[in-house]
Amino acid sequence: MLAVLVKDHSHQLQMLTQGTADIILDSCVDYWNGRDLTPISPSDRKKIIDFYQRNSLTAYCTAFAYKPL
């Protein structure tokens, strides 16, 4: 896992993180559904991990996360 701290345009700190889906997912409570932040349900977690496991067999699969500080 790799994390960096950056200041956004309004000078607020953001932590941006990259890593494997299983590790990143352990630290997340919400996900971006394309419109809004949505709480991650147990079903969502399973879908994300299943997707990650299937795709990491044939390609490099990475996950990204951010957190305002």
PDB file of N, CA and C in Angstrom:
ATOM      1  N   MET A   1       0.857  -1.160   0.000  1.00  0.00           N
ATOM      2  CA  MET A   1       0.000   0.000   0.000  1.00  0.00           C
ATOM      3  C   MET A   1       0.904   1.225   0.000  1.00  0.00           C
ATOM      4  N   LEU A   2       0.475   2.248  -0.725  1.00  0.00           N
ATOM      5  CA  LEU A   2       1.190   3.509  -0.825  1.00  0.00           C
ATOM      6  C   LEU A   2       0.205   4.626  -0.529  1.00  0.00           C
ATOM      7  N   ALA A   3       0.589   5.570   0.308  1.00  0.00           N
ATOM      8  CA  ALA A   3      -0.282   6.706   0.623  1.00  0.00           C
ATOM      9  C   ALA A   3       0.522   7.993   0.534  1.00  0.00           C
ATOM     10  N   VAL A   4      -0.114   9.036   0.018  1.00  0.00           N
ATOM     11  CA  VAL A   4       0.497  10.364  -0.027  1.00  0.00           C
ATOM     12  C   VAL A   4      -0.505  11.372   0.508  1.00  0.00           C
ATOM     13  N   LEU A   5       0.015  12.444   1.093  1.00  0.00           N
ATOM     14  CA  LEU A   5      -0.820  13.547   1.556  1.00  0.00           C
ATOM     15  C   LEU A   5      -0.655  14.698   0.587  1.00  0.00           C
ATOM     16  N   VAL A   6      -1.773  15.279   0.169  1.00  0.00           N
ATOM     17  CA  VAL A   6      -1.742  16.424  -0.740  1.00  0.00           C
ATOM     18  C   VAL A   6      -2.695  17.491  -0.228  1.00  0.00           C
ATOM     19  N   LYS A   7      -2.402  18.744  -0.597  1.00  0.00           N
ATOM     20  CA  LYS A   7      -3.327  19.835  -0.311  1.00  0.00           C
ATOM     21  C   LYS A   7      -4.160  20.070  -1.558  1.00  0.00           C
ATOM     22  N   ASP A   8      -5.471  20.146  -1.383  1.00  0.00           N
ATOM     23  CA  ASP A   8      -6.330  20.412  -2.530  1.00  0.00           C
ATOM     24  C   ASP A   8      -6.372  21.917  -2.799  1.00  0.00           C
ATOM     25  N   HIS A   9      -7.185  22.330  -3.765  1.00  0.00           N
ATOM     26  CA  HIS A   9      -7.239  23.739  -4.162  1.00  0.00           C
ATOM     27  C   HIS A   9      -7.698  24.669  -3.040  1.00  0.00           C
ATOM     28  N   SER A  10      -8.402  24.131  -2.043  1.00  0.00           N
ATOM     29  CA  SER A  10      -8.837  24.958  -0.905  1.00  0.00           C
ATOM     30  C   SER A  10      -7.905  24.777   0.299  1.00  0.00           C
ATOM     31  N   HIS A  11      -6.725  24.202   0.058  1.00  0.00           N
ATOM     32  CA  HIS A  11      -5.678  24.019   1.073  1.00  0.00           C
ATOM     33  C   HIS A  11      -6.054  23.026   2.167  1.00  0.00           C
ATOM     34  N   GLN A  12      -6.996  22.132   1.895  1.00  0.00           N
ATOM     35  CA  GLN A  12      -7.342  21.059   2.823  1.00  0.00           C
ATOM     36  C   GLN A  12      -6.483  19.839   2.490  1.00  0.00           C
ATOM     37  N   LEU A  13      -6.074  19.108   3.519  1.00  0.00           N
ATOM     38  CA  LEU A  13      -5.274  17.905   3.293  1.00  0.00           C
ATOM     39  C   LEU A  13      -6.160  16.726   2.897  1.00  0.00           C
ATOM     40  N   GLN A  14      -5.672  15.968   1.917  1.00  0.00           N
ATOM     41  CA  GLN A  14      -6.330  14.744   1.469  1.00  0.00           C
ATOM     42  C   GLN A  14      -5.285  13.629   1.505  1.00  0.00           C
ATOM     43  N   MET A  15      -5.673  12.454   1.960  1.00  0.00           N
ATOM     44  CA  MET A  15      -4.787  11.297   1.885  1.00  0.00           C
ATOM     45  C   MET A  15      -5.256  10.434   0.719  1.00  0.00           C
ATOM     46  N   LEU A  16      -4.371  10.212  -0.248  1.00  0.00           N
ATOM     47  CA  LEU A  16      -4.655   9.384  -1.416  1.00  0.00           C
ATOM     48  C   LEU A  16      -3.881   8.083  -1.260  1.00  0.00           C
ATOM     49  N   THR A  17      -4.576   6.962  -1.433  1.00  0.00           N
ATOM     50  CA  THR A  17      -3.978   5.656  -1.174  1.00  0.00           C
ATOM     51  C   THR A  17      -4.174   4.740  -2.372  1.00  0.00           C
ATOM     52  N   GLN A  18      -3.142   3.938  -2.663  1.00  0.00           N
ATOM     53  CA  GLN A  18      -3.196   2.940  -3.728  1.00  0.00           C
ATOM     54  C   GLN A  18      -2.702   1.622  -3.156  1.00  0.00           C
ATOM     55  N   GLY A  19      -3.352   0.538  -3.542  1.00  0.00           N
ATOM     56  CA  GLY A  19      -2.913  -0.780  -3.087  1.00  0.00           C
ATOM     57  C   GLY A  19      -3.800  -1.861  -3.659  1.00  0.00           C
ATOM     58  N   THR A  20      -3.642  -3.068  -3.150  1.00  0.00           N
ATOM     59  CA  THR A  20      -4.495  -4.162  -3.601  1.00  0.00           C
ATOM     60  C   THR A  20      -5.884  -3.999  -2.983  1.00  0.00           C
ATOM     61  N   ALA A  21      -6.882  -4.488  -3.685  1.00  0.00           N
ATOM     62  CA  ALA A  21      -8.270  -4.281  -3.252  1.00  0.00           C
ATOM     63  C   ALA A  21      -8.547  -4.860  -1.875  1.00  0.00           C
ATOM     64  N   ASP A  22      -7.979  -6.016  -1.574  1.00  0.00           N
ATOM     65  CA  ASP A  22      -8.256  -6.623  -0.270  1.00  0.00           C
ATOM     66  C   ASP A  22      -7.732  -5.757   0.875  1.00  0.00           C
ATOM     67  N   ILE A  23      -6.566  -5.158   0.711  1.00  0.00           N
ATOM     68  CA  ILE A  23      -6.003  -4.307   1.767  1.00  0.00           C
ATOM     69  C   ILE A  23      -6.727  -2.967   1.837  1.00  0.00           C
ATOM     70  N   ILE A  24      -6.957  -2.335   0.692  1.00  0.00           N
ATOM     71  CA  ILE A  24      -7.647  -1.038   0.678  1.00  0.00           C
ATOM     72  C   ILE A  24      -9.055  -1.189   1.236  1.00  0.00           C
ATOM     73  N   LEU A  25      -9.747  -2.239   0.859  1.00  0.00           N
ATOM     74  CA  LEU A  25     -11.128  -2.446   1.295  1.00  0.00           C
ATOM     75  C   LEU A  25     -11.243  -2.572   2.810  1.00  0.00           C
ATOM     76  N   ASP A  26     -10.212  -3.116   3.455  1.00  0.00           N
ATOM     77  CA  ASP A  26     -10.224  -3.235   4.919  1.00  0.00           C
ATOM     78  C   ASP A  26     -10.317  -1.881   5.614  1.00  0.00           C
ATOM     79  N   SER A  27      -9.897  -0.818   4.927  1.00  0.00           N
ATOM     80  CA  SER A  27      -9.889   0.518   5.525  1.00  0.00           C
ATOM     81  C   SER A  27     -11.061   1.389   5.081  1.00  0.00           C
ATOM     82  N   CYS A  28     -11.913   0.877   4.214  1.00  0.00           N
ATOM     83  CA  CYS A  28     -12.984   1.694   3.638  1.00  0.00           C
ATOM     84  C   CYS A  28     -14.350   1.374   4.239  1.00  0.00           C
ATOM     85  N   VAL A  29     -15.155   2.411   4.387  1.00  0.00           N
ATOM     86  CA  VAL A  29     -16.537   2.235   4.845  1.00  0.00           C
ATOM     87  C   VAL A  29     -17.541   2.678   3.778  1.00  0.00           C
ATOM     88  N   ASP A  30     -17.082   3.450   2.791  1.00  0.00           N
ATOM     89  CA  ASP A  30     -17.934   3.938   1.703  1.00  0.00           C
ATOM     90  C   ASP A  30     -17.244   3.666   0.372  1.00  0.00           C
ATOM     91  N   TYR A  31     -18.025   3.704  -0.711  1.00  0.00           N
ATOM     92  CA  TYR A  31     -17.458   3.630  -2.052  1.00  0.00           C
ATOM     93  C   TYR A  31     -18.211   4.585  -2.966  1.00  0.00           C
ATOM     94  N   TRP A  32     -17.575   4.959  -4.071  1.00  0.00           N
ATOM     95  CA  TRP A  32     -18.164   5.850  -5.064  1.00  0.00           C
ATOM     96  C   TRP A  32     -18.921   4.995  -6.067  1.00  0.00           C
ATOM     97  N   ASN A  33     -20.240   5.214  -6.176  1.00  0.00           N
ATOM     98  CA  ASN A  33     -21.057   4.398  -7.079  1.00  0.00           C
ATOM     99  C   ASN A  33     -21.236   5.045  -8.452  1.00  0.00           C
ATOM    100  N   GLY A  34     -20.498   6.113  -8.701  1.00  0.00           N
ATOM    101  CA  GLY A  34     -20.613   6.840  -9.959  1.00  0.00           C
ATOM    102  C   GLY A  34     -21.367   8.139  -9.802  1.00  0.00           C
ATOM    103  N   ARG A  35     -22.062   8.293  -8.673  1.00  0.00           N
ATOM    104  CA  ARG A  35     -22.820   9.514  -8.394  1.00  0.00           C
ATOM    105  C   ARG A  35     -22.577  10.037  -6.989  1.00  0.00           C
ATOM    106  N   ASP A  36     -22.550   9.124  -6.008  1.00  0.00           N
ATOM    107  CA  ASP A  36     -22.460   9.508  -4.602  1.00  0.00           C
ATOM    108  C   ASP A  36     -21.582   8.533  -3.834  1.00  0.00           C
ATOM    109  N   LEU A  37     -21.167   8.965  -2.635  1.00  0.00           N
ATOM    110  CA  LEU A  37     -20.543   8.034  -1.702  1.00  0.00           C
ATOM    111  C   LEU A  37     -21.643   7.200  -1.076  1.00  0.00           C
ATOM    112  N   THR A  38     -21.450   5.892  -1.048  1.00  0.00           N
ATOM    113  CA  THR A  38     -22.447   4.949  -0.557  1.00  0.00           C
ATOM    114  C   THR A  38     -21.792   4.012   0.457  1.00  0.00           C
ATOM    115  N   PRO A  39     -22.459   3.728   1.575  1.00  0.00           N
ATOM    116  CA  PRO A  39     -21.885   2.768   2.531  1.00  0.00           C
ATOM    117  C   PRO A  39     -21.664   1.403   1.864  1.00  0.00           C
ATOM    118  N   ILE A  40     -20.557   0.758   2.211  1.00  0.00           N
ATOM    119  CA  ILE A  40     -20.248  -0.560   1.652  1.00  0.00           C
ATOM    120  C   ILE A  40     -20.964  -1.624   2.480  1.00  0.00           C
ATOM    121  N   SER A  41     -21.854  -2.361   1.831  1.00  0.00           N
ATOM    122  CA  SER A  41     -22.565  -3.455   2.499  1.00  0.00           C
ATOM    123  C   SER A  41     -21.715  -4.728   2.418  1.00  0.00           C
ATOM    124  N   PRO A  42     -22.032  -5.730   3.214  1.00  0.00           N
ATOM    125  CA  PRO A  42     -21.320  -7.016   3.082  1.00  0.00           C
ATOM    126  C   PRO A  42     -21.408  -7.578   1.657  1.00  0.00           C
ATOM    127  N   SER A  43     -22.544  -7.394   1.007  1.00  0.00           N
ATOM    128  CA  SER A  43     -22.708  -7.854  -0.369  1.00  0.00           C
ATOM    129  C   SER A  43     -21.769  -7.093  -1.315  1.00  0.00           C
ATOM    130  N   ASP A  44     -21.658  -5.778  -1.119  1.00  0.00           N
ATOM    131  CA  ASP A  44     -20.743  -4.972  -1.939  1.00  0.00           C
ATOM    132  C   ASP A  44     -19.298  -5.426  -1.742  1.00  0.00           C
ATOM    133  N   ARG A  45     -18.909  -5.670  -0.491  1.00  0.00           N
ATOM    134  CA  ARG A  45     -17.544  -6.130  -0.198  1.00  0.00           C
ATOM    135  C   ARG A  45     -17.248  -7.430  -0.944  1.00  0.00           C
ATOM    136  N   LYS A  46     -18.206  -8.353  -0.913  1.00  0.00           N
ATOM    137  CA  LYS A  46     -18.013  -9.633  -1.603  1.00  0.00           C
ATOM    138  C   LYS A  46     -17.868  -9.421  -3.107  1.00  0.00           C
ATOM    139  N   LYS A  47     -18.697  -8.559  -3.696  1.00  0.00           N
ATOM    140  CA  LYS A  47     -18.611  -8.288  -5.135  1.00  0.00           C
ATOM    141  C   LYS A  47     -17.259  -7.677  -5.499  1.00  0.00           C
ATOM    142  N   ILE A  48     -16.785  -6.751  -4.677  1.00  0.00           N
ATOM    143  CA  ILE A  48     -15.503  -6.097  -4.947  1.00  0.00           C
ATOM    144  C   ILE A  48     -14.364  -7.109  -4.866  1.00  0.00           C
ATOM    145  N   ILE A  49     -14.354  -7.919  -3.821  1.00  0.00           N
ATOM    146  CA  ILE A  49     -13.297  -8.928  -3.661  1.00  0.00           C
ATOM    147  C   ILE A  49     -13.364  -9.968  -4.774  1.00  0.00           C
ATOM    148  N   ASP A  50     -14.573 -10.414  -5.149  1.00  0.00           N
ATOM    149  CA  ASP A  50     -14.714 -11.368  -6.257  1.00  0.00           C
ATOM    150  C   ASP A  50     -14.164 -10.782  -7.558  1.00  0.00           C
ATOM    151  N   PHE A  51     -14.504  -9.514  -7.841  1.00  0.00           N
ATOM    152  CA  PHE A  51     -14.001  -8.835  -9.039  1.00  0.00           C
ATOM    153  C   PHE A  51     -12.474  -8.775  -9.005  1.00  0.00           C
ATOM    154  N   TYR A  52     -11.941  -8.363  -7.865  1.00  0.00           N
ATOM    155  CA  TYR A  52     -10.486  -8.260  -7.710  1.00  0.00           C
ATOM    156  C   TYR A  52      -9.806  -9.613  -7.938  1.00  0.00           C
ATOM    157  N   GLN A  53     -10.321 -10.656  -7.319  1.00  0.00           N
ATOM    158  CA  GLN A  53      -9.694 -11.976  -7.444  1.00  0.00           C
ATOM    159  C   GLN A  53      -9.743 -12.502  -8.874  1.00  0.00           C
ATOM    160  N   ARG A  54     -10.875 -12.312  -9.552  1.00  0.00           N
ATOM    161  CA  ARG A  54     -10.990 -12.764 -10.951  1.00  0.00           C
ATOM    162  C   ARG A  54     -10.018 -12.007 -11.854  1.00  0.00           C
ATOM    163  N   ASN A  55      -9.971 -10.696 -11.702  1.00  0.00           N
ATOM    164  CA  ASN A  55      -9.168  -9.880 -12.611  1.00  0.00           C
ATOM    165  C   ASN A  55      -7.683  -9.891 -12.291  1.00  0.00           C
ATOM    166  N   SER A  56      -7.320 -10.137 -11.053  1.00  0.00           N
ATOM    167  CA  SER A  56      -5.894 -10.154 -10.725  1.00  0.00           C
ATOM    168  C   SER A  56      -5.208 -11.437 -11.205  1.00  0.00           C
ATOM    169  N   LEU A  57      -5.975 -12.412 -11.658  1.00  0.00           N
ATOM    170  CA  LEU A  57      -5.381 -13.629 -12.214  1.00  0.00           C
ATOM    171  C   LEU A  57      -4.721 -13.368 -13.562  1.00  0.00           C
ATOM    172  N   THR A  58      -5.275 -12.430 -14.332  1.00  0.00           N
ATOM    173  CA  THR A  58      -4.775 -12.187 -15.684  1.00  0.00           C
ATOM    174  C   THR A  58      -4.204 -10.794 -15.894  1.00  0.00           C
ATOM    175  N   ALA A  59      -4.318  -9.933 -14.905  1.00  0.00           N
ATOM    176  CA  ALA A  59      -3.835  -8.562 -15.068  1.00  0.00           C
ATOM    177  C   ALA A  59      -3.498  -7.974 -13.702  1.00  0.00           C
ATOM    178  N   TYR A  60      -2.801  -6.854 -13.726  1.00  0.00           N
ATOM    179  CA  TYR A  60      -2.514  -6.142 -12.493  1.00  0.00           C
ATOM    180  C   TYR A  60      -3.773  -5.387 -12.095  1.00  0.00           C
ATOM    181  N   CYS A  61      -4.241  -5.604 -10.908  1.00  0.00           N
ATOM    182  CA  CYS A  61      -5.478  -4.984 -10.439  1.00  0.00           C
ATOM    183  C   CYS A  61      -5.150  -4.161  -9.196  1.00  0.00           C
ATOM    184  N   THR A  62      -5.472  -2.883  -9.223  1.00  0.00           N
ATOM    185  CA  THR A  62      -5.148  -2.001  -8.104  1.00  0.00           C
ATOM    186  C   THR A  62      -6.392  -1.253  -7.652  1.00  0.00           C
ATOM    187  N   ALA A  63      -6.380  -0.810  -6.414  1.00  0.00           N
ATOM    188  CA  ALA A  63      -7.509  -0.062  -5.852  1.00  0.00           C
ATOM    189  C   ALA A  63      -7.001   1.291  -5.370  1.00  0.00           C
ATOM    190  N   PHE A  64      -7.886   2.262  -5.353  1.00  0.00           N
ATOM    191  CA  PHE A  64      -7.550   3.607  -4.906  1.00  0.00           C
ATOM    192  C   PHE A  64      -8.553   4.051  -3.858  1.00  0.00           C
ATOM    193  N   ALA A  65      -8.089   4.868  -2.923  1.00  0.00           N
ATOM    194  CA  ALA A  65      -8.965   5.412  -1.889  1.00  0.00           C
ATOM    195  C   ALA A  65      -8.483   6.811  -1.533  1.00  0.00           C
ATOM    196  N   TYR A  66      -9.385   7.601  -0.957  1.00  0.00           N
ATOM    197  CA  TYR A  66      -8.973   8.907  -0.454  1.00  0.00           C
ATOM    198  C   TYR A  66      -9.703   9.173   0.841  1.00  0.00           C
ATOM    199  N   LYS A  67      -9.117  10.051   1.637  1.00  0.00           N
ATOM    200  CA  LYS A  67      -9.742  10.443   2.897  1.00  0.00           C
ATOM    201  C   LYS A  67      -9.386  11.889   3.181  1.00  0.00           C
ATOM    202  N   PRO A  68     -10.396  12.744   3.378  1.00  0.00           N
ATOM    203  CA  PRO A  68     -10.094  14.115   3.794  1.00  0.00           C
ATOM    204  C   PRO A  68      -9.541  14.096   5.216  1.00  0.00           C
ATOM    205  N   LEU A  69      -8.530  14.903   5.468  1.00  0.00           N
ATOM    206  CA  LEU A  69      -7.949  14.960   6.813  1.00  0.00           C
ATOM    207  C   LEU A  69      -8.225  16.304   7.469  1.00  0.00           C
TER     208      LEU A  69
END
